[in-house]
Amino acid sequence: MKLSVAQSLEWFGVVTAIVYSLLVASNTGLEFVGFTLLLVSSFSIGLWAYLGQHRGILLLQFFYATAGIIGMLRWF
């Protein structure tokens, strides 16, 4: 089974978001890495949403990217 570029972006974003949430919830000092993954995830899913014209998801990713940046700044 071969994934399209859009499917690869979607699933990469999903996996990085899952790892982000686990890192932040684990409270093990890896929050900065977690927020970095949130930012990466939001770009990936945002690009997927843009390509697929999923405007609501694209808007949501702008807020997730902002949360990732704020989290990175606060934990740095």
PDB file of N, CA and C in Angstrom:
ATOM      1  N   MET A   1       0.840  -1.179   0.000  1.00  0.00           N
ATOM      2  CA  MET A   1       0.000   0.000   0.000  1.00  0.00           C
ATOM      3  C   MET A   1       0.887   1.245   0.000  1.00  0.00           C
ATOM      4  N   LYS A   2       0.695   2.088  -0.975  1.00  0.00           N
ATOM      5  CA  LYS A   2       1.492   3.309  -1.093  1.00  0.00           C
ATOM      6  C   LYS A   2       0.651   4.511  -0.660  1.00  0.00           C
ATOM      7  N   LEU A   3       1.222   5.330   0.217  1.00  0.00           N
ATOM      8  CA  LEU A   3       0.527   6.510   0.694  1.00  0.00           C
ATOM      9  C   LEU A   3       0.799   7.691  -0.217  1.00  0.00           C
ATOM     10  N   SER A   4      -0.209   8.507  -0.436  1.00  0.00           N
ATOM     11  CA  SER A   4      -0.027   9.752  -1.181  1.00  0.00           C
ATOM     12  C   SER A   4       0.685  10.758  -0.273  1.00  0.00           C
ATOM     13  N   VAL A   5       1.113  11.857  -0.849  1.00  0.00           N
ATOM     14  CA  VAL A   5       1.758  12.908  -0.059  1.00  0.00           C
ATOM     15  C   VAL A   5       0.793  13.415   1.004  1.00  0.00           C
ATOM     16  N   ALA A   6      -0.459  13.628   0.618  1.00  0.00           N
ATOM     17  CA  ALA A   6      -1.451  14.130   1.568  1.00  0.00           C
ATOM     18  C   ALA A   6      -1.659  13.145   2.714  1.00  0.00           C
ATOM     19  N   GLN A   7      -1.758  11.870   2.402  1.00  0.00           N
ATOM     20  CA  GLN A   7      -1.937  10.862   3.453  1.00  0.00           C
ATOM     21  C   GLN A   7      -0.713  10.796   4.354  1.00  0.00           C
ATOM     22  N   SER A   8       0.468  10.933   3.788  1.00  0.00           N
ATOM     23  CA  SER A   8       1.694  10.924   4.591  1.00  0.00           C
ATOM     24  C   SER A   8       1.713  12.108   5.549  1.00  0.00           C
ATOM     25  N   LEU A   9       1.332  13.291   5.071  1.00  0.00           N
ATOM     26  CA  LEU A   9       1.267  14.475   5.937  1.00  0.00           C
ATOM     27  C   LEU A   9       0.266  14.273   7.058  1.00  0.00           C
ATOM     28  N   GLU A  10      -0.889  13.733   6.696  1.00  0.00           N
ATOM     29  CA  GLU A  10      -1.939  13.504   7.686  1.00  0.00           C
ATOM     30  C   GLU A  10      -1.453  12.565   8.783  1.00  0.00           C
ATOM     31  N   TRP A  11      -0.906  11.425   8.409  1.00  0.00           N
ATOM     32  CA  TRP A  11      -0.509  10.427   9.406  1.00  0.00           C
ATOM     33  C   TRP A  11       0.731  10.840  10.179  1.00  0.00           C
ATOM     34  N   PHE A  12       1.659  11.532   9.534  1.00  0.00           N
ATOM     35  CA  PHE A  12       2.821  12.059  10.253  1.00  0.00           C
ATOM     36  C   PHE A  12       2.356  13.045  11.318  1.00  0.00           C
ATOM     37  N   GLY A  13       1.416  13.905  10.962  1.00  0.00           N
ATOM     38  CA  GLY A  13       0.867  14.863  11.917  1.00  0.00           C
ATOM     39  C   GLY A  13       0.155  14.189  13.068  1.00  0.00           C
ATOM     40  N   VAL A  14      -0.580  13.142  12.774  1.00  0.00           N
ATOM     41  CA  VAL A  14      -1.300  12.397  13.816  1.00  0.00           C
ATOM     42  C   VAL A  14      -0.313  11.748  14.790  1.00  0.00           C
ATOM     43  N   VAL A  15       0.699  11.087  14.259  1.00  0.00           N
ATOM     44  CA  VAL A  15       1.666  10.393  15.113  1.00  0.00           C
ATOM     45  C   VAL A  15       2.432  11.387  15.980  1.00  0.00           C
ATOM     46  N   THR A  16       2.877  12.498  15.402  1.00  0.00           N
ATOM     47  CA  THR A  16       3.620  13.484  16.197  1.00  0.00           C
ATOM     48  C   THR A  16       2.722  14.119  17.256  1.00  0.00           C
ATOM     49  N   ALA A  17       1.439  14.316  16.968  1.00  0.00           N
ATOM     50  CA  ALA A  17       0.510  14.864  17.965  1.00  0.00           C
ATOM     51  C   ALA A  17       0.301  13.875  19.112  1.00  0.00           C
ATOM     52  N   ILE A  18       0.227  12.596  18.802  1.00  0.00           N
ATOM     53  CA  ILE A  18       0.073  11.577  19.845  1.00  0.00           C
ATOM     54  C   ILE A  18       1.301  11.555  20.750  1.00  0.00           C
ATOM     55  N   VAL A  19       2.484  11.582  20.144  1.00  0.00           N
ATOM     56  CA  VAL A  19       3.716  11.579  20.943  1.00  0.00           C
ATOM     57  C   VAL A  19       3.802  12.855  21.781  1.00  0.00           C
ATOM     58  N   TYR A  20       3.421  13.992  21.193  1.00  0.00           N
ATOM     59  CA  TYR A  20       3.396  15.255  21.946  1.00  0.00           C
ATOM     60  C   TYR A  20       2.536  15.120  23.195  1.00  0.00           C
ATOM     61  N   SER A  21       1.313  14.626  23.032  1.00  0.00           N
ATOM     62  CA  SER A  21       0.399  14.561  24.171  1.00  0.00           C
ATOM     63  C   SER A  21       0.915  13.609  25.250  1.00  0.00           C
ATOM     64  N   LEU A  22       1.531  12.518  24.846  1.00  0.00           N
ATOM     65  CA  LEU A  22       2.086  11.577  25.819  1.00  0.00           C
ATOM     66  C   LEU A  22       3.272  12.180  26.571  1.00  0.00           C
ATOM     67  N   LEU A  23       4.120  12.919  25.868  1.00  0.00           N
ATOM     68  CA  LEU A  23       5.279  13.541  26.523  1.00  0.00           C
ATOM     69  C   LEU A  23       4.850  14.600  27.529  1.00  0.00           C
ATOM     70  N   VAL A  24       3.895  15.427  27.145  1.00  0.00           N
ATOM     71  CA  VAL A  24       3.448  16.487  28.059  1.00  0.00           C
ATOM     72  C   VAL A  24       2.712  15.877  29.255  1.00  0.00           C
ATOM     73  N   ALA A  25       1.877  14.885  29.010  1.00  0.00           N
ATOM     74  CA  ALA A  25       1.128  14.249  30.096  1.00  0.00           C
ATOM     75  C   ALA A  25       2.030  13.461  31.045  1.00  0.00           C
ATOM     76  N   SER A  26       3.164  12.972  30.545  1.00  0.00           N
ATOM     77  CA  SER A  26       4.046  12.160  31.386  1.00  0.00           C
ATOM     78  C   SER A  26       4.780  12.982  32.438  1.00  0.00           C
ATOM     79  N   ASN A  27       4.868  14.294  32.244  1.00  0.00           N
ATOM     80  CA  ASN A  27       5.517  15.194  33.199  1.00  0.00           C
ATOM     81  C   ASN A  27       6.923  14.696  33.558  1.00  0.00           C
ATOM     82  N   THR A  28       7.698  14.362  32.539  1.00  0.00           N
ATOM     83  CA  THR A  28       9.044  13.819  32.745  1.00  0.00           C
ATOM     84  C   THR A  28      10.144  14.797  32.345  1.00  0.00           C
ATOM     85  N   GLY A  29       9.798  16.046  32.159  1.00  0.00           N
ATOM     86  CA  GLY A  29      10.797  17.033  31.776  1.00  0.00           C
ATOM     87  C   GLY A  29      11.009  17.139  30.272  1.00  0.00           C
ATOM     88  N   LEU A  30      10.201  16.449  29.506  1.00  0.00           N
ATOM     89  CA  LEU A  30      10.337  16.483  28.043  1.00  0.00           C
ATOM     90  C   LEU A  30       9.263  17.360  27.399  1.00  0.00           C
ATOM     91  N   GLU A  31       8.762  18.312  28.159  1.00  0.00           N
ATOM     92  CA  GLU A  31       7.700  19.172  27.647  1.00  0.00           C
ATOM     93  C   GLU A  31       8.160  19.997  26.451  1.00  0.00           C
ATOM     94  N   PHE A  32       9.400  20.476  26.473  1.00  0.00           N
ATOM     95  CA  PHE A  32       9.886  21.279  25.340  1.00  0.00           C
ATOM     96  C   PHE A  32       9.879  20.447  24.058  1.00  0.00           C
ATOM     97  N   VAL A  33      10.330  19.210  24.161  1.00  0.00           N
ATOM     98  CA  VAL A  33      10.301  18.306  22.995  1.00  0.00           C
ATOM     99  C   VAL A  33       8.851  18.087  22.559  1.00  0.00           C
ATOM    100  N   GLY A  34       7.964  17.918  23.530  1.00  0.00           N
ATOM    101  CA  GLY A  34       6.549  17.720  23.227  1.00  0.00           C
ATOM    102  C   GLY A  34       5.953  18.901  22.485  1.00  0.00           C
ATOM    103  N   PHE A  35       6.223  20.107  22.961  1.00  0.00           N
ATOM    104  CA  PHE A  35       5.686  21.291  22.290  1.00  0.00           C
ATOM    105  C   PHE A  35       6.301  21.484  20.903  1.00  0.00           C
ATOM    106  N   THR A  36       7.548  21.078  20.747  1.00  0.00           N
ATOM    107  CA  THR A  36       8.168  21.112  19.422  1.00  0.00           C
ATOM    108  C   THR A  36       7.427  20.159  18.484  1.00  0.00           C
ATOM    109  N   LEU A  37       7.085  18.983  18.991  1.00  0.00           N
ATOM    110  CA  LEU A  37       6.321  18.030  18.184  1.00  0.00           C
ATOM    111  C   LEU A  37       4.927  18.561  17.862  1.00  0.00           C
ATOM    112  N   LEU A  38       4.327  19.301  18.787  1.00  0.00           N
ATOM    113  CA  LEU A  38       3.030  19.915  18.505  1.00  0.00           C
ATOM    114  C   LEU A  38       3.149  20.892  17.343  1.00  0.00           C
ATOM    115  N   LEU A  39       4.215  21.671  17.336  1.00  0.00           N
ATOM    116  CA  LEU A  39       4.429  22.624  16.245  1.00  0.00           C
ATOM    117  C   LEU A  39       4.623  21.884  14.922  1.00  0.00           C
ATOM    118  N   VAL A  40       5.438  20.845  14.925  1.00  0.00           N
ATOM    119  CA  VAL A  40       5.666  20.045  13.720  1.00  0.00           C
ATOM    120  C   VAL A  40       4.356  19.416  13.250  1.00  0.00           C
ATOM    121  N   SER A  41       3.602  18.882  14.187  1.00  0.00           N
ATOM    122  CA  SER A  41       2.321  18.266  13.866  1.00  0.00           C
ATOM    123  C   SER A  41       1.365  19.274  13.239  1.00  0.00           C
ATOM    124  N   SER A  42       1.304  20.459  13.809  1.00  0.00           N
ATOM    125  CA  SER A  42       0.373  21.469  13.288  1.00  0.00           C
ATOM    126  C   SER A  42       0.750  21.890  11.877  1.00  0.00           C
ATOM    127  N   PHE A  43       2.043  21.959  11.565  1.00  0.00           N
ATOM    128  CA  PHE A  43       2.449  22.281  10.195  1.00  0.00           C
ATOM    129  C   PHE A  43       2.072  21.151   9.239  1.00  0.00           C
ATOM    130  N   SER A  44       2.297  19.935   9.668  1.00  0.00           N
ATOM    131  CA  SER A  44       1.997  18.787   8.823  1.00  0.00           C
ATOM    132  C   SER A  44       0.494  18.671   8.544  1.00  0.00           C
ATOM    133  N   ILE A  45      -0.293  18.705   9.601  1.00  0.00           N
ATOM    134  CA  ILE A  45      -1.740  18.595   9.424  1.00  0.00           C
ATOM    135  C   ILE A  45      -2.292  19.849   8.748  1.00  0.00           C
ATOM    136  N   GLY A  46      -1.696  20.993   9.026  1.00  0.00           N
ATOM    137  CA  GLY A  46      -2.115  22.226   8.354  1.00  0.00           C
ATOM    138  C   GLY A  46      -1.896  22.168   6.855  1.00  0.00           C
ATOM    139  N   LEU A  47      -0.762  21.637   6.444  1.00  0.00           N
ATOM    140  CA  LEU A  47      -0.503  21.499   5.010  1.00  0.00           C
ATOM    141  C   LEU A  47      -1.460  20.493   4.389  1.00  0.00           C
ATOM    142  N   TRP A  48      -1.710  19.399   5.100  1.00  0.00           N
ATOM    143  CA  TRP A  48      -2.698  18.414   4.630  1.00  0.00           C
ATOM    144  C   TRP A  48      -4.065  19.072   4.474  1.00  0.00           C
ATOM    145  N   ALA A  49      -4.467  19.873   5.480  1.00  0.00           N
ATOM    146  CA  ALA A  49      -5.769  20.538   5.445  1.00  0.00           C
ATOM    147  C   ALA A  49      -5.839  21.537   4.291  1.00  0.00           C
ATOM    148  N   TYR A  50      -4.756  22.249   4.060  1.00  0.00           N
ATOM    149  CA  TYR A  50      -4.722  23.204   2.957  1.00  0.00           C
ATOM    150  C   TYR A  50      -4.875  22.488   1.611  1.00  0.00           C
ATOM    151  N   LEU A  51      -4.127  21.402   1.435  1.00  0.00           N
ATOM    152  CA  LEU A  51      -4.198  20.653   0.178  1.00  0.00           C
ATOM    153  C   LEU A  51      -5.590  20.064  -0.057  1.00  0.00           C
ATOM    154  N   GLY A  52      -6.238  19.646   1.020  1.00  0.00           N
ATOM    155  CA  GLY A  52      -7.564  19.039   0.910  1.00  0.00           C
ATOM    156  C   GLY A  52      -8.708  20.028   1.085  1.00  0.00           C
ATOM    157  N   GLN A  53      -8.386  21.292   1.231  1.00  0.00           N
ATOM    158  CA  GLN A  53      -9.366  22.362   1.421  1.00  0.00           C
ATOM    159  C   GLN A  53     -10.263  22.116   2.639  1.00  0.00           C
ATOM    160  N   HIS A  54      -9.653  21.664   3.717  1.00  0.00           N
ATOM    161  CA  HIS A  54     -10.359  21.467   4.995  1.00  0.00           C
ATOM    162  C   HIS A  54     -10.123  22.723   5.831  1.00  0.00           C
ATOM    163  N   ARG A  55     -10.913  23.736   5.583  1.00  0.00           N
ATOM    164  CA  ARG A  55     -10.650  25.055   6.164  1.00  0.00           C
ATOM    165  C   ARG A  55     -10.761  25.084   7.690  1.00  0.00           C
ATOM    166  N   GLY A  56     -11.702  24.360   8.243  1.00  0.00           N
ATOM    167  CA  GLY A  56     -11.844  24.337   9.697  1.00  0.00           C
ATOM    168  C   GLY A  56     -10.640  23.716  10.379  1.00  0.00           C
ATOM    169  N   ILE A  57     -10.153  22.627   9.834  1.00  0.00           N
ATOM    170  CA  ILE A  57      -8.967  21.967  10.395  1.00  0.00           C
ATOM    171  C   ILE A  57      -7.744  22.861  10.217  1.00  0.00           C
ATOM    172  N   LEU A  58      -7.655  23.555   9.087  1.00  0.00           N
ATOM    173  CA  LEU A  58      -6.538  24.473   8.850  1.00  0.00           C
ATOM    174  C   LEU A  58      -6.533  25.580   9.895  1.00  0.00           C
ATOM    175  N   LEU A  59      -7.693  26.160  10.171  1.00  0.00           N
ATOM    176  CA  LEU A  59      -7.783  27.197  11.194  1.00  0.00           C
ATOM    177  C   LEU A  59      -7.359  26.647  12.559  1.00  0.00           C
ATOM    178  N   LEU A  60      -7.814  25.459  12.885  1.00  0.00           N
ATOM    179  CA  LEU A  60      -7.446  24.828  14.144  1.00  0.00           C
ATOM    180  C   LEU A  60      -5.933  24.658  14.261  1.00  0.00           C
ATOM    181  N   GLN A  61      -5.276  24.328  13.178  1.00  0.00           N
ATOM    182  CA  GLN A  61      -3.828  24.113  13.197  1.00  0.00           C
ATOM    183  C   GLN A  61      -3.060  25.408  13.470  1.00  0.00           C
ATOM    184  N   PHE A  62      -3.616  26.555  13.059  1.00  0.00           N
ATOM    185  CA  PHE A  62      -2.988  27.834  13.399  1.00  0.00           C
ATOM    186  C   PHE A  62      -2.959  28.014  14.920  1.00  0.00           C
ATOM    187  N   PHE A  63      -4.038  27.630  15.577  1.00  0.00           N
ATOM    188  CA  PHE A  63      -4.089  27.751  17.038  1.00  0.00           C
ATOM    189  C   PHE A  63      -3.182  26.732  17.711  1.00  0.00           C
ATOM    190  N   TYR A  64      -3.108  25.527  17.177  1.00  0.00           N
ATOM    191  CA  TYR A  64      -2.190  24.527  17.730  1.00  0.00           C
ATOM    192  C   TYR A  64      -0.730  24.976  17.554  1.00  0.00           C
ATOM    193  N   ALA A  65      -0.420  25.566  16.404  1.00  0.00           N
ATOM    194  CA  ALA A  65       0.941  26.067  16.179  1.00  0.00           C
ATOM    195  C   ALA A  65       1.262  27.172  17.191  1.00  0.00           C
ATOM    196  N   THR A  66       0.298  28.044  17.428  1.00  0.00           N
ATOM    197  CA  THR A  66       0.488  29.113  18.409  1.00  0.00           C
ATOM    198  C   THR A  66       0.709  28.526  19.806  1.00  0.00           C
ATOM    199  N   ALA A  67      -0.081  27.516  20.158  1.00  0.00           N
ATOM    200  CA  ALA A  67       0.086  26.859  21.465  1.00  0.00           C
ATOM    201  C   ALA A  67       1.460  26.197  21.561  1.00  0.00           C
ATOM    202  N   GLY A  68       1.924  25.598  20.477  1.00  0.00           N
ATOM    203  CA  GLY A  68       3.252  24.982  20.464  1.00  0.00           C
ATOM    204  C   GLY A  68       4.349  26.012  20.692  1.00  0.00           C
ATOM    205  N   ILE A  69       4.229  27.146  20.020  1.00  0.00           N
ATOM    206  CA  ILE A  69       5.239  28.203  20.172  1.00  0.00           C
ATOM    207  C   ILE A  69       5.219  28.762  21.597  1.00  0.00           C
ATOM    208  N   ILE A  70       4.030  29.023  22.118  1.00  0.00           N
ATOM    209  CA  ILE A  70       3.919  29.525  23.493  1.00  0.00           C
ATOM    210  C   ILE A  70       4.501  28.509  24.476  1.00  0.00           C
ATOM    211  N   GLY A  71       4.172  27.244  24.302  1.00  0.00           N
ATOM    212  CA  GLY A  71       4.702  26.204  25.181  1.00  0.00           C
ATOM    213  C   GLY A  71       6.215  26.121  25.120  1.00  0.00           C
ATOM    214  N   MET A  72       6.775  26.220  23.913  1.00  0.00           N
ATOM    215  CA  MET A  72       8.226  26.175  23.762  1.00  0.00           C
ATOM    216  C   MET A  72       8.891  27.364  24.457  1.00  0.00           C
ATOM    217  N   LEU A  73       8.296  28.554  24.302  1.00  0.00           N
ATOM    218  CA  LEU A  73       8.865  29.741  24.936  1.00  0.00           C
ATOM    219  C   LEU A  73       8.782  29.657  26.456  1.00  0.00           C
ATOM    220  N   ARG A  74       7.692  29.146  26.968  1.00  0.00           N
ATOM    221  CA  ARG A  74       7.512  29.066  28.426  1.00  0.00           C
ATOM    222  C   ARG A  74       8.408  28.001  29.058  1.00  0.00           C
ATOM    223  N   TRP A  75       8.711  26.919  28.339  1.00  0.00           N
ATOM    224  CA  TRP A  75       9.527  25.865  28.911  1.00  0.00           C
ATOM    225  C   TRP A  75      11.015  26.049  28.626  1.00  0.00           C
ATOM    226  N   PHE A  76      11.356  26.972  27.747  1.00  0.00           N
ATOM    227  CA  PHE A  76      12.759  27.175  27.401  1.00  0.00           C
ATOM    228  C   PHE A  76      13.455  27.902  28.471  1.00  0.00           C
TER     229      PHE A  76
END
